[in-house]
Amino acid sequence: AMLSRLLRRFRPTSVVFRRLWSLEGSCVNPADGLSEEQREFQQVATSFATNEMQPHMKSWDEKEEFPQDVLRKAASLGFGGIYVRPDYGGSGLSRLDASIIFEALASGCVSTTA
């Protein structure tokens, strides 16, 4: 509905429309406001999602596969047991840290990250 309203209001060739829907025109940097440690979590998770998850997401969804091997790799990076205290084998990170990681991993495969 929102896209339809925008299409009626702006011609697809208009500068405003192109800026609204292009990555170059985006004014939001997902790393803005994050600590250095959180930026590092985000970068590692995004890289993992791009390299280990994204190339396979279509196949996993079509075959209804749950990629345990890939999730084990993610866990080895500290992305398993995120809220669990370190003395119990977890990462001991905050809910905010976890949301940053989950958002980055979801860019590779939403259904697996969920």
PDB file of N, CA and C in Angstrom:
ATOM      1  N   ALA A   1       0.821  -1.185   0.000  1.00  0.00           N
ATOM      2  CA  ALA A   1       0.000   0.000   0.000  1.00  0.00           C
ATOM      3  C   ALA A   1       0.869   1.254   0.000  1.00  0.00           C
ATOM      4  N   MET A   2       1.905   1.239   0.821  1.00  0.00           N
ATOM      5  CA  MET A   2       2.770   2.413   0.896  1.00  0.00           C
ATOM      6  C   MET A   2       3.485   2.632  -0.434  1.00  0.00           C
ATOM      7  N   LEU A   3       3.968   1.559  -1.043  1.00  0.00           N
ATOM      8  CA  LEU A   3       4.658   1.677  -2.328  1.00  0.00           C
ATOM      9  C   LEU A   3       3.708   2.224  -3.382  1.00  0.00           C
ATOM     10  N   SER A   4       2.463   1.774  -3.386  1.00  0.00           N
ATOM     11  CA  SER A   4       1.485   2.270  -4.345  1.00  0.00           C
ATOM     12  C   SER A   4       1.262   3.776  -4.174  1.00  0.00           C
ATOM     13  N   ARG A   5       1.169   4.213  -2.919  1.00  0.00           N
ATOM     14  CA  ARG A   5       0.992   5.647  -2.665  1.00  0.00           C
ATOM     15  C   ARG A   5       2.199   6.441  -3.144  1.00  0.00           C
ATOM     16  N   LEU A   6       3.389   5.905  -2.903  1.00  0.00           N
ATOM     17  CA  LEU A   6       4.593   6.602  -3.360  1.00  0.00           C
ATOM     18  C   LEU A   6       4.662   6.656  -4.878  1.00  0.00           C
ATOM     19  N   LEU A   7       4.274   5.549  -5.533  1.00  0.00           N
ATOM     20  CA  LEU A   7       4.297   5.524  -6.998  1.00  0.00           C
ATOM     21  C   LEU A   7       3.324   6.539  -7.583  1.00  0.00           C
ATOM     22  N   ARG A   8       2.164   6.708  -6.934  1.00  0.00           N
ATOM     23  CA  ARG A   8       1.199   7.698  -7.416  1.00  0.00           C
ATOM     24  C   ARG A   8       1.714   9.116  -7.195  1.00  0.00           C
ATOM     25  N   ARG A   9       2.401   9.320  -6.088  1.00  0.00           N
ATOM     26  CA  ARG A   9       2.861  10.661  -5.750  1.00  0.00           C
ATOM     27  C   ARG A   9       4.123  11.069  -6.522  1.00  0.00           C
ATOM     28  N   PHE A  10       5.045  10.132  -6.683  1.00  0.00           N
ATOM     29  CA  PHE A  10       6.310  10.443  -7.352  1.00  0.00           C
ATOM     30  C   PHE A  10       6.440   9.620  -8.623  1.00  0.00           C
ATOM     31  N   ARG A  11       6.940  10.245  -9.627  1.00  0.00           N
ATOM     32  CA  ARG A  11       7.246   9.487 -10.832  1.00  0.00           C
ATOM     33  C   ARG A  11       8.464   8.636 -10.525  1.00  0.00           C
ATOM     34  N   PRO A  12       8.543   7.371 -11.024  1.00  0.00           N
ATOM     35  CA  PRO A  12       9.697   6.515 -10.744  1.00  0.00           C
ATOM     36  C   PRO A  12      11.025   7.129 -11.162  1.00  0.00           C
ATOM     37  N   THR A  13      11.005   8.100 -12.052  1.00  0.00           N
ATOM     38  CA  THR A  13      12.249   8.713 -12.491  1.00  0.00           C
ATOM     39  C   THR A  13      12.633   9.919 -11.638  1.00  0.00           C
ATOM     40  N   SER A  14      11.764  10.298 -10.720  1.00  0.00           N
ATOM     41  CA  SER A  14      12.072  11.486  -9.925  1.00  0.00           C
ATOM     42  C   SER A  14      13.246  11.227  -8.988  1.00  0.00           C
ATOM     43  N   VAL A  15      13.963  12.272  -8.674  1.00  0.00           N
ATOM     44  CA  VAL A  15      15.120  12.181  -7.786  1.00  0.00           C
ATOM     45  C   VAL A  15      14.690  11.700  -6.406  1.00  0.00           C
ATOM     46  N   VAL A  16      13.573  12.223  -5.913  1.00  0.00           N
ATOM     47  CA  VAL A  16      13.098  11.842  -4.581  1.00  0.00           C
ATOM     48  C   VAL A  16      12.822  10.345  -4.528  1.00  0.00           C
ATOM     49  N   PHE A  17      12.124   9.827  -5.527  1.00  0.00           N
ATOM     50  CA  PHE A  17      11.805   8.400  -5.560  1.00  0.00           C
ATOM     51  C   PHE A  17      13.078   7.561  -5.597  1.00  0.00           C
ATOM     52  N   ARG A  18      14.009   7.922  -6.471  1.00  0.00           N
ATOM     53  CA  ARG A  18      15.266   7.163  -6.575  1.00  0.00           C
ATOM     54  C   ARG A  18      16.026   7.195  -5.254  1.00  0.00           C
ATOM     55  N   ARG A  19      16.020   8.321  -4.573  1.00  0.00           N
ATOM     56  CA  ARG A  19      16.729   8.417  -3.293  1.00  0.00           C
ATOM     57  C   ARG A  19      16.047   7.585  -2.217  1.00  0.00           C
ATOM     58  N   LEU A  20      14.715   7.535  -2.239  1.00  0.00           N
ATOM     59  CA  LEU A  20      13.997   6.743  -1.246  1.00  0.00           C
ATOM     60  C   LEU A  20      14.296   5.258  -1.384  1.00  0.00           C
ATOM     61  N   TRP A  21      14.479   4.780  -2.585  1.00  0.00           N
ATOM     62  CA  TRP A  21      14.587   3.343  -2.823  1.00  0.00           C
ATOM     63  C   TRP A  21      15.986   2.881  -3.194  1.00  0.00           C
ATOM     64  N   SER A  22      16.973   3.746  -3.153  1.00  0.00           N
ATOM     65  CA  SER A  22      18.330   3.307  -3.474  1.00  0.00           C
ATOM     66  C   SER A  22      19.159   3.200  -2.215  1.00  0.00           C
ATOM     67  N   LEU A  23      20.122   2.310  -2.216  1.00  0.00           N
ATOM     68  CA  LEU A  23      21.021   2.180  -1.081  1.00  0.00           C
ATOM     69  C   LEU A  23      21.922   3.401  -0.972  1.00  0.00           C
ATOM     70  N   GLU A  24      22.281   3.974  -2.122  1.00  0.00           N
ATOM     71  CA  GLU A  24      23.143   5.150  -2.103  1.00  0.00           C
ATOM     72  C   GLU A  24      22.462   6.330  -1.427  1.00  0.00           C
ATOM     73  N   GLY A  25      21.160   6.401  -1.566  1.00  0.00           N
ATOM     74  CA  GLY A  25      20.422   7.510  -0.993  1.00  0.00           C
ATOM     75  C   GLY A  25      20.060   7.305   0.465  1.00  0.00           C
ATOM     76  N   SER A  26      20.387   6.142   1.005  1.00  0.00           N
ATOM     77  CA  SER A  26      20.034   5.850   2.384  1.00  0.00           C
ATOM     78  C   SER A  26      20.861   6.698   3.336  1.00  0.00           C
ATOM     79  N   CYS A  27      20.216   7.226   4.335  1.00  0.00           N
ATOM     80  CA  CYS A  27      20.924   8.036   5.317  1.00  0.00           C
ATOM     81  C   CYS A  27      21.137   7.268   6.615  1.00  0.00           C
ATOM     82  N   VAL A  28      20.761   5.986   6.638  1.00  0.00           N
ATOM     83  CA  VAL A  28      20.882   5.189   7.848  1.00  0.00           C
ATOM     84  C   VAL A  28      22.062   4.227   7.714  1.00  0.00           C
ATOM     85  N   ASN A  29      23.014   4.371   8.595  1.00  0.00           N
ATOM     86  CA  ASN A  29      24.132   3.438   8.658  1.00  0.00           C
ATOM     87  C   ASN A  29      23.852   2.493   9.813  1.00  0.00           C
ATOM     88  N   PRO A  30      23.735   1.182   9.565  1.00  0.00           N
ATOM     89  CA  PRO A  30      23.376   0.263  10.643  1.00  0.00           C
ATOM     90  C   PRO A  30      24.391   0.216  11.783  1.00  0.00           C
ATOM     91  N   ALA A  31      25.580   0.745  11.574  1.00  0.00           N
ATOM     92  CA  ALA A  31      26.590   0.747  12.633  1.00  0.00           C
ATOM     93  C   ALA A  31      26.578   2.026  13.462  1.00  0.00           C
ATOM     94  N   ASP A  32      25.781   3.013  13.064  1.00  0.00           N
ATOM     95  CA  ASP A  32      25.718   4.268  13.827  1.00  0.00           C
ATOM     96  C   ASP A  32      25.250   3.997  15.252  1.00  0.00           C
ATOM     97  N   GLY A  33      25.940   4.579  16.206  1.00  0.00           N
ATOM     98  CA  GLY A  33      25.551   4.462  17.603  1.00  0.00           C
ATOM     99  C   GLY A  33      26.038   3.204  18.293  1.00  0.00           C
ATOM    100  N   LEU A  34      26.735   2.329  17.581  1.00  0.00           N
ATOM    101  CA  LEU A  34      27.221   1.093  18.194  1.00  0.00           C
ATOM    102  C   LEU A  34      28.610   1.313  18.778  1.00  0.00           C
ATOM    103  N   SER A  35      28.908   0.542  19.816  1.00  0.00           N
ATOM    104  CA  SER A  35      30.257   0.575  20.380  1.00  0.00           C
ATOM    105  C   SER A  35      31.197  -0.140  19.403  1.00  0.00           C
ATOM    106  N   GLU A  36      32.473  -0.002  19.619  1.00  0.00           N
ATOM    107  CA  GLU A  36      33.458  -0.668  18.760  1.00  0.00           C
ATOM    108  C   GLU A  36      33.267  -2.184  18.808  1.00  0.00           C
ATOM    109  N   GLU A  37      33.011  -2.723  19.987  1.00  0.00           N
ATOM    110  CA  GLU A  37      32.789  -4.164  20.137  1.00  0.00           C
ATOM    111  C   GLU A  37      31.538  -4.599  19.371  1.00  0.00           C
ATOM    112  N   GLN A  38      30.462  -3.820  19.463  1.00  0.00           N
ATOM    113  CA  GLN A  38      29.232  -4.151  18.745  1.00  0.00           C
ATOM    114  C   GLN A  38      29.435  -4.077  17.237  1.00  0.00           C
ATOM    115  N   ARG A  39      30.211  -3.113  16.782  1.00  0.00           N
ATOM    116  CA  ARG A  39      30.522  -3.026  15.344  1.00  0.00           C
ATOM    117  C   ARG A  39      31.266  -4.275  14.880  1.00  0.00           C
ATOM    118  N   GLU A  40      32.163  -4.757  15.732  1.00  0.00           N
ATOM    119  CA  GLU A  40      32.904  -5.970  15.391  1.00  0.00           C
ATOM    120  C   GLU A  40      31.964  -7.174  15.318  1.00  0.00           C
ATOM    121  N   PHE A  41      31.057  -7.316  16.289  1.00  0.00           N
ATOM    122  CA  PHE A  41      30.053  -8.388  16.229  1.00  0.00           C
ATOM    123  C   PHE A  41      29.284  -8.309  14.917  1.00  0.00           C
ATOM    124  N   GLN A  42      28.855  -7.097  14.597  1.00  0.00           N
ATOM    125  CA  GLN A  42      28.057  -6.876  13.395  1.00  0.00           C
ATOM    126  C   GLN A  42      28.836  -7.257  12.131  1.00  0.00           C
ATOM    127  N   GLN A  43      30.087  -6.843  12.057  1.00  0.00           N
ATOM    128  CA  GLN A  43      30.907  -7.149  10.878  1.00  0.00           C
ATOM    129  C   GLN A  43      31.142  -8.644  10.728  1.00  0.00           C
ATOM    130  N   VAL A  44      31.468  -9.319  11.818  1.00  0.00           N
ATOM    131  CA  VAL A  44      31.714 -10.757  11.762  1.00  0.00           C
ATOM    132  C   VAL A  44      30.432 -11.499  11.383  1.00  0.00           C
ATOM    133  N   ALA A  45      29.320 -11.137  11.994  1.00  0.00           N
ATOM    134  CA  ALA A  45      28.046 -11.800  11.703  1.00  0.00           C
ATOM    135  C   ALA A  45      27.599 -11.547  10.265  1.00  0.00           C
ATOM    136  N   THR A  46      27.775 -10.329   9.781  1.00  0.00           N
ATOM    137  CA  THR A  46      27.408 -10.005   8.399  1.00  0.00           C
ATOM    138  C   THR A  46      28.272 -10.784   7.418  1.00  0.00           C
ATOM    139  N   SER A  47      29.555 -10.847   7.671  1.00  0.00           N
ATOM    140  CA  SER A  47      30.464 -11.597   6.808  1.00  0.00           C
ATOM    141  C   SER A  47      30.102 -13.080   6.803  1.00  0.00           C
ATOM    142  N   PHE A  48      29.821 -13.629   7.974  1.00  0.00           N
ATOM    143  CA  PHE A  48      29.422 -15.030   8.079  1.00  0.00           C
ATOM    144  C   PHE A  48      28.129 -15.274   7.304  1.00  0.00           C
ATOM    145  N   ALA A  49      27.154 -14.398   7.478  1.00  0.00           N
ATOM    146  CA  ALA A  49      25.871 -14.540   6.787  1.00  0.00           C
ATOM    147  C   ALA A  49      26.055 -14.498   5.276  1.00  0.00           C
ATOM    148  N   THR A  50      26.885 -13.581   4.809  1.00  0.00           N
ATOM    149  CA  THR A  50      27.113 -13.425   3.369  1.00  0.00           C
ATOM    150  C   THR A  50      27.827 -14.629   2.775  1.00  0.00           C
ATOM    151  N   ASN A  51      28.814 -15.146   3.487  1.00  0.00           N
ATOM    152  CA  ASN A  51      29.639 -16.217   2.944  1.00  0.00           C
ATOM    153  C   ASN A  51      29.119 -17.625   3.220  1.00  0.00           C
ATOM    154  N   GLU A  52      28.522 -17.831   4.379  1.00  0.00           N
ATOM    155  CA  GLU A  52      28.129 -19.179   4.791  1.00  0.00           C
ATOM    156  C   GLU A  52      26.639 -19.470   4.666  1.00  0.00           C
ATOM    157  N   MET A  53      25.815 -18.432   4.684  1.00  0.00           N
ATOM    158  CA  MET A  53      24.372 -18.657   4.689  1.00  0.00           C
ATOM    159  C   MET A  53      23.695 -18.253   3.385  1.00  0.00           C
ATOM    160  N   GLN A  54      23.969 -17.052   2.943  1.00  0.00           N
ATOM    161  CA  GLN A  54      23.270 -16.512   1.778  1.00  0.00           C
ATOM    162  C   GLN A  54      23.354 -17.396   0.529  1.00  0.00           C
ATOM    163  N   PRO A  55      24.520 -17.970   0.208  1.00  0.00           N
ATOM    164  CA  PRO A  55      24.583 -18.797  -1.001  1.00  0.00           C
ATOM    165  C   PRO A  55      23.687 -20.039  -0.954  1.00  0.00           C
ATOM    166  N   HIS A  56      23.278 -20.459   0.250  1.00  0.00           N
ATOM    167  CA  HIS A  56      22.522 -21.703   0.407  1.00  0.00           C
ATOM    168  C   HIS A  56      21.069 -21.508   0.823  1.00  0.00           C
ATOM    169  N   MET A  57      20.667 -20.277   1.114  1.00  0.00           N
ATOM    170  CA  MET A  57      19.348 -20.061   1.714  1.00  0.00           C
ATOM    171  C   MET A  57      18.202 -20.575   0.844  1.00  0.00           C
ATOM    172  N   LYS A  58      18.276 -20.384  -0.449  1.00  0.00           N
ATOM    173  CA  LYS A  58      17.191 -20.841  -1.328  1.00  0.00           C
ATOM    174  C   LYS A  58      17.059 -22.360  -1.263  1.00  0.00           C
ATOM    175  N   SER A  59      18.171 -23.039  -1.340  1.00  0.00           N
ATOM    176  CA  SER A  59      18.172 -24.499  -1.289  1.00  0.00           C
ATOM    177  C   SER A  59      17.637 -25.007   0.047  1.00  0.00           C
ATOM    178  N   TRP A  60      18.079 -24.384   1.150  1.00  0.00           N
ATOM    179  CA  TRP A  60      17.597 -24.800   2.473  1.00  0.00           C
ATOM    180  C   TRP A  60      16.090 -24.649   2.568  1.00  0.00           C
ATOM    181  N   ASP A  61      15.578 -23.537   2.070  1.00  0.00           N
ATOM    182  CA  ASP A  61      14.137 -23.310   2.144  1.00  0.00           C
ATOM    183  C   ASP A  61      13.370 -24.278   1.256  1.00  0.00           C
ATOM    184  N   GLU A  62      13.859 -24.488   0.044  1.00  0.00           N
ATOM    185  CA  GLU A  62      13.163 -25.398  -0.873  1.00  0.00           C
ATOM    186  C   GLU A  62      13.158 -26.833  -0.362  1.00  0.00           C
ATOM    187  N   LYS A  63      14.260 -27.253   0.225  1.00  0.00           N
ATOM    188  CA  LYS A  63      14.379 -28.635   0.718  1.00  0.00           C
ATOM    189  C   LYS A  63      13.965 -28.772   2.177  1.00  0.00           C
ATOM    190  N   GLU A  64      13.581 -27.649   2.781  1.00  0.00           N
ATOM    191  CA  GLU A  64      13.205 -27.615   4.197  1.00  0.00           C
ATOM    192  C   GLU A  64      14.302 -28.214   5.067  1.00  0.00           C
ATOM    193  N   GLU A  65      15.539 -27.795   4.798  1.00  0.00           N
ATOM    194  CA  GLU A  65      16.708 -28.261   5.546  1.00  0.00           C
ATOM    195  C   GLU A  65      17.018 -27.315   6.696  1.00  0.00           C
ATOM    196  N   PHE A  66      17.514 -27.891   7.754  1.00  0.00           N
ATOM    197  CA  PHE A  66      18.006 -27.111   8.883  1.00  0.00           C
ATOM    198  C   PHE A  66      19.512 -27.348   8.939  1.00  0.00           C
ATOM    199  N   PRO A  67      20.319 -26.359   8.548  1.00  0.00           N
ATOM    200  CA  PRO A  67      21.763 -26.547   8.382  1.00  0.00           C
ATOM    201  C   PRO A  67      22.541 -26.562   9.700  1.00  0.00           C
ATOM    202  N   GLN A  68      22.525 -27.702  10.369  1.00  0.00           N
ATOM    203  CA  GLN A  68      23.181 -27.810  11.670  1.00  0.00           C
ATOM    204  C   GLN A  68      24.670 -27.502  11.595  1.00  0.00           C
ATOM    205  N   ASP A  69      25.318 -27.938  10.514  1.00  0.00           N
ATOM    206  CA  ASP A  69      26.759 -27.695  10.382  1.00  0.00           C
ATOM    207  C   ASP A  69      27.068 -26.201  10.332  1.00  0.00           C
ATOM    208  N   VAL A  70      26.238 -25.448   9.642  1.00  0.00           N
ATOM    209  CA  VAL A  70      26.441 -24.001   9.542  1.00  0.00           C
ATOM    210  C   VAL A  70      26.177 -23.337  10.896  1.00  0.00           C
ATOM    211  N   LEU A  71      25.172 -23.798  11.603  1.00  0.00           N
ATOM    212  CA  LEU A  71      24.884 -23.240  12.917  1.00  0.00           C
ATOM    213  C   LEU A  71      25.987 -23.576  13.921  1.00  0.00           C
ATOM    214  N   ARG A  72      26.608 -24.728  13.756  1.00  0.00           N
ATOM    215  CA  ARG A  72      27.758 -25.057  14.610  1.00  0.00           C
ATOM    216  C   ARG A  72      28.921 -24.103  14.339  1.00  0.00           C
ATOM    217  N   LYS A  73      29.112 -23.764  13.056  1.00  0.00           N
ATOM    218  CA  LYS A  73      30.153 -22.789  12.717  1.00  0.00           C
ATOM    219  C   LYS A  73      29.845 -21.434  13.351  1.00  0.00           C
ATOM    220  N   ALA A  74      28.576 -21.043  13.294  1.00  0.00           N
ATOM    221  CA  ALA A  74      28.170 -19.770  13.908  1.00  0.00           C
ATOM    222  C   ALA A  74      28.413 -19.816  15.415  1.00  0.00           C
ATOM    223  N   ALA A  75      28.103 -20.949  16.024  1.00  0.00           N
ATOM    224  CA  ALA A  75      28.327 -21.102  17.469  1.00  0.00           C
ATOM    225  C   ALA A  75      29.811 -21.000  17.801  1.00  0.00           C
ATOM    226  N   SER A  76      30.655 -21.521  16.922  1.00  0.00           N
ATOM    227  CA  SER A  76      32.098 -21.449  17.186  1.00  0.00           C
ATOM    228  C   SER A  76      32.619 -20.008  17.141  1.00  0.00           C
ATOM    229  N   LEU A  77      31.861 -19.127  16.503  1.00  0.00           N
ATOM    230  CA  LEU A  77      32.216 -17.702  16.470  1.00  0.00           C
ATOM    231  C   LEU A  77      31.664 -16.949  17.687  1.00  0.00           C
ATOM    232  N   GLY A  78      30.939 -17.661  18.544  1.00  0.00           N
ATOM    233  CA  GLY A  78      30.355 -17.035  19.725  1.00  0.00           C
ATOM    234  C   GLY A  78      28.901 -16.666  19.550  1.00  0.00           C
ATOM    235  N   PHE A  79      28.272 -17.131  18.458  1.00  0.00           N
ATOM    236  CA  PHE A  79      26.884 -16.780  18.173  1.00  0.00           C
ATOM    237  C   PHE A  79      25.895 -17.824  18.652  1.00  0.00           C
ATOM    238  N   GLY A  80      26.324 -18.712  19.516  1.00  0.00           N
ATOM    239  CA  GLY A  80      25.437 -19.678  20.154  1.00  0.00           C
ATOM    240  C   GLY A  80      25.467 -19.414  21.647  1.00  0.00           C
ATOM    241  N   GLY A  81      24.366 -19.548  22.320  1.00  0.00           N
ATOM    242  CA  GLY A  81      24.330 -19.271  23.750  1.00  0.00           C
ATOM    243  C   GLY A  81      24.685 -17.824  24.050  1.00  0.00           C
ATOM    244  N   ILE A  82      24.149 -16.938  23.248  1.00  0.00           N
ATOM    245  CA  ILE A  82      24.508 -15.528  23.342  1.00  0.00           C
ATOM    246  C   ILE A  82      24.183 -14.943  24.711  1.00  0.00           C
ATOM    247  N   TYR A  83      23.045 -15.303  25.292  1.00  0.00           N
ATOM    248  CA  TYR A  83      22.647 -14.744  26.587  1.00  0.00           C
ATOM    249  C   TYR A  83      23.220 -15.533  27.766  1.00  0.00           C
ATOM    250  N   VAL A  84      23.767 -16.702  27.499  1.00  0.00           N
ATOM    251  CA  VAL A  84      24.251 -17.582  28.561  1.00  0.00           C
ATOM    252  C   VAL A  84      25.561 -17.033  29.136  1.00  0.00           C
ATOM    253  N   ARG A  85      25.680 -17.067  30.447  1.00  0.00           N
ATOM    254  CA  ARG A  85      26.894 -16.575  31.102  1.00  0.00           C
ATOM    255  C   ARG A  85      28.110 -17.380  30.649  1.00  0.00           C
ATOM    256  N   PRO A  86      29.252 -16.723  30.558  1.00  0.00           N
ATOM    257  CA  PRO A  86      30.478 -17.411  30.133  1.00  0.00           C
ATOM    258  C   PRO A  86      30.855 -18.606  31.012  1.00  0.00           C
ATOM    259  N   ASP A  87      30.571 -18.532  32.319  1.00  0.00           N
ATOM    260  CA  ASP A  87      30.922 -19.656  33.193  1.00  0.00           C
ATOM    261  C   ASP A  87      30.063 -20.888  32.918  1.00  0.00           C
ATOM    262  N   TYR A  88      29.017 -20.741  32.107  1.00  0.00           N
ATOM    263  CA  TYR A  88      28.201 -21.871  31.677  1.00  0.00           C
ATOM    264  C   TYR A  88      28.425 -22.189  30.199  1.00  0.00           C
ATOM    265  N   GLY A  89      29.450 -21.579  29.607  1.00  0.00           N
ATOM    266  CA  GLY A  89      29.793 -21.876  28.215  1.00  0.00           C
ATOM    267  C   GLY A  89      29.199 -20.940  27.181  1.00  0.00           C
ATOM    268  N   GLY A  90      28.520 -19.908  27.611  1.00  0.00           N
ATOM    269  CA  GLY A  90      27.905 -18.976  26.667  1.00  0.00           C
ATOM    270  C   GLY A  90      28.770 -17.756  26.410  1.00  0.00           C
ATOM    271  N   SER A  91      28.215 -16.844  25.639  1.00  0.00           N
ATOM    272  CA  SER A  91      28.922 -15.608  25.302  1.00  0.00           C
ATOM    273  C   SER A  91      28.704 -14.504  26.325  1.00  0.00           C
ATOM    274  N   GLY A  92      27.599 -14.573  27.066  1.00  0.00           N
ATOM    275  CA  GLY A  92      27.318 -13.573  28.091  1.00  0.00           C
ATOM    276  C   GLY A  92      27.052 -12.178  27.548  1.00  0.00           C
ATOM    277  N   LEU A  93      26.493 -12.098  26.361  1.00  0.00           N
ATOM    278  CA  LEU A  93      26.230 -10.801  25.747  1.00  0.00           C
ATOM    279  C   LEU A  93      24.849 -10.278  26.144  1.00  0.00           C
ATOM    280  N   SER A  94      24.632  -9.009  25.889  1.00  0.00           N
ATOM    281  CA  SER A  94      23.359  -8.366  26.225  1.00  0.00           C
ATOM    282  C   SER A  94      22.310  -8.650  25.140  1.00  0.00           C
ATOM    283  N   ARG A  95      21.075  -8.284  25.447  1.00  0.00           N
ATOM    284  CA  ARG A  95      19.985  -8.418  24.460  1.00  0.00           C
ATOM    285  C   ARG A  95      20.244  -7.513  23.261  1.00  0.00           C
ATOM    286  N   LEU A  96      20.799  -6.342  23.491  1.00  0.00           N
ATOM    287  CA  LEU A  96      21.126  -5.449  22.382  1.00  0.00           C
ATOM    288  C   LEU A  96      22.198  -6.078  21.495  1.00  0.00           C
ATOM    289  N   ASP A  97      23.250  -6.629  22.095  1.00  0.00           N
ATOM    290  CA  ASP A  97      24.293  -7.304  21.320  1.00  0.00           C
ATOM    291  C   ASP A  97      23.682  -8.433  20.485  1.00  0.00           C
ATOM    292  N   ALA A  98      22.793  -9.193  21.108  1.00  0.00           N
ATOM    293  CA  ALA A  98      22.155 -10.308  20.404  1.00  0.00           C
ATOM    294  C   ALA A  98      21.314  -9.810  19.239  1.00  0.00           C
ATOM    295  N   SER A  99      20.593  -8.712  19.428  1.00  0.00           N
ATOM    296  CA  SER A  99      19.751  -8.210  18.336  1.00  0.00           C
ATOM    297  C   SER A  99      20.609  -7.744  17.163  1.00  0.00           C
ATOM    298  N   ILE A 100      21.773  -7.185  17.457  1.00  0.00           N
ATOM    299  CA  ILE A 100      22.702  -6.767  16.393  1.00  0.00           C
ATOM    300  C   ILE A 100      23.177  -7.993  15.621  1.00  0.00           C
ATOM    301  N   ILE A 101      23.526  -9.043  16.335  1.00  0.00           N
ATOM    302  CA  ILE A 101      23.992 -10.285  15.712  1.00  0.00           C
ATOM    303  C   ILE A 101      22.877 -10.942  14.913  1.00  0.00           C
ATOM    304  N   PHE A 102      21.682 -11.061  15.508  1.00  0.00           N
ATOM    305  CA  PHE A 102      20.562 -11.707  14.804  1.00  0.00           C
ATOM    306  C   PHE A 102      20.185 -10.952  13.535  1.00  0.00           C
ATOM    307  N   GLU A 103      20.186  -9.634  13.612  1.00  0.00           N
ATOM    308  CA  GLU A 103      19.853  -8.839  12.434  1.00  0.00           C
ATOM    309  C   GLU A 103      20.868  -9.092  11.319  1.00  0.00           C
ATOM    310  N   ALA A 104      22.145  -9.136  11.671  1.00  0.00           N
ATOM    311  CA  ALA A 104      23.189  -9.379  10.668  1.00  0.00           C
ATOM    312  C   ALA A 104      23.077 -10.787  10.094  1.00  0.00           C
ATOM    313  N   LEU A 105      22.840 -11.779  10.942  1.00  0.00           N
ATOM    314  CA  LEU A 105      22.704 -13.155  10.456  1.00  0.00           C
ATOM    315  C   LEU A 105      21.470 -13.314   9.575  1.00  0.00           C
ATOM    316  N   ALA A 106      20.404 -12.602   9.910  1.00  0.00           N
ATOM    317  CA  ALA A 106      19.181 -12.685   9.115  1.00  0.00           C
ATOM    318  C   ALA A 106      19.379 -12.181   7.686  1.00  0.00           C
ATOM    319  N   SER A 107      20.382 -11.364   7.473  1.00  0.00           N
ATOM    320  CA  SER A 107      20.653 -10.911   6.101  1.00  0.00           C
ATOM    321  C   SER A 107      21.117 -12.066   5.224  1.00  0.00           C
ATOM    322  N   GLY A 108      21.588 -13.147   5.853  1.00  0.00           N
ATOM    323  CA  GLY A 108      22.009 -14.328   5.103  1.00  0.00           C
ATOM    324  C   GLY A 108      20.899 -15.341   4.916  1.00  0.00           C
ATOM    325  N   CYS A 109      20.052 -15.513   5.914  1.00  0.00           N
ATOM    326  CA  CYS A 109      18.910 -16.424   5.808  1.00  0.00           C
ATOM    327  C   CYS A 109      17.991 -16.196   7.005  1.00  0.00           C
ATOM    328  N   VAL A 110      16.872 -15.573   6.738  1.00  0.00           N
ATOM    329  CA  VAL A 110      15.935 -15.218   7.807  1.00  0.00           C
ATOM    330  C   VAL A 110      15.397 -16.454   8.504  1.00  0.00           C
ATOM    331  N   SER A 111      14.986 -17.456   7.743  1.00  0.00           N
ATOM    332  CA  SER A 111      14.351 -18.618   8.361  1.00  0.00           C
ATOM    333  C   SER A 111      15.324 -19.411   9.227  1.00  0.00           C
ATOM    334  N   THR A 112      16.576 -19.497   8.844  1.00  0.00           N
ATOM    335  CA  THR A 112      17.565 -20.206   9.657  1.00  0.00           C
ATOM    336  C   THR A 112      17.900 -19.414  10.907  1.00  0.00           C
ATOM    337  N   THR A 113      18.006 -18.115  10.790  1.00  0.00           N
ATOM    338  CA  THR A 113      18.317 -17.264  11.924  1.00  0.00           C
ATOM    339  C   THR A 113      17.195 -17.296  12.955  1.00  0.00           C
ATOM    340  N   ALA A 114      15.953 -17.374  12.481  1.00  0.00           N
ATOM    341  CA  ALA A 114      14.812 -17.391  13.388  1.00  0.00           C
ATOM    342  C   ALA A 114      14.868 -18.629  14.243  1.00  0.00           C
TER     343      ALA A 114
END
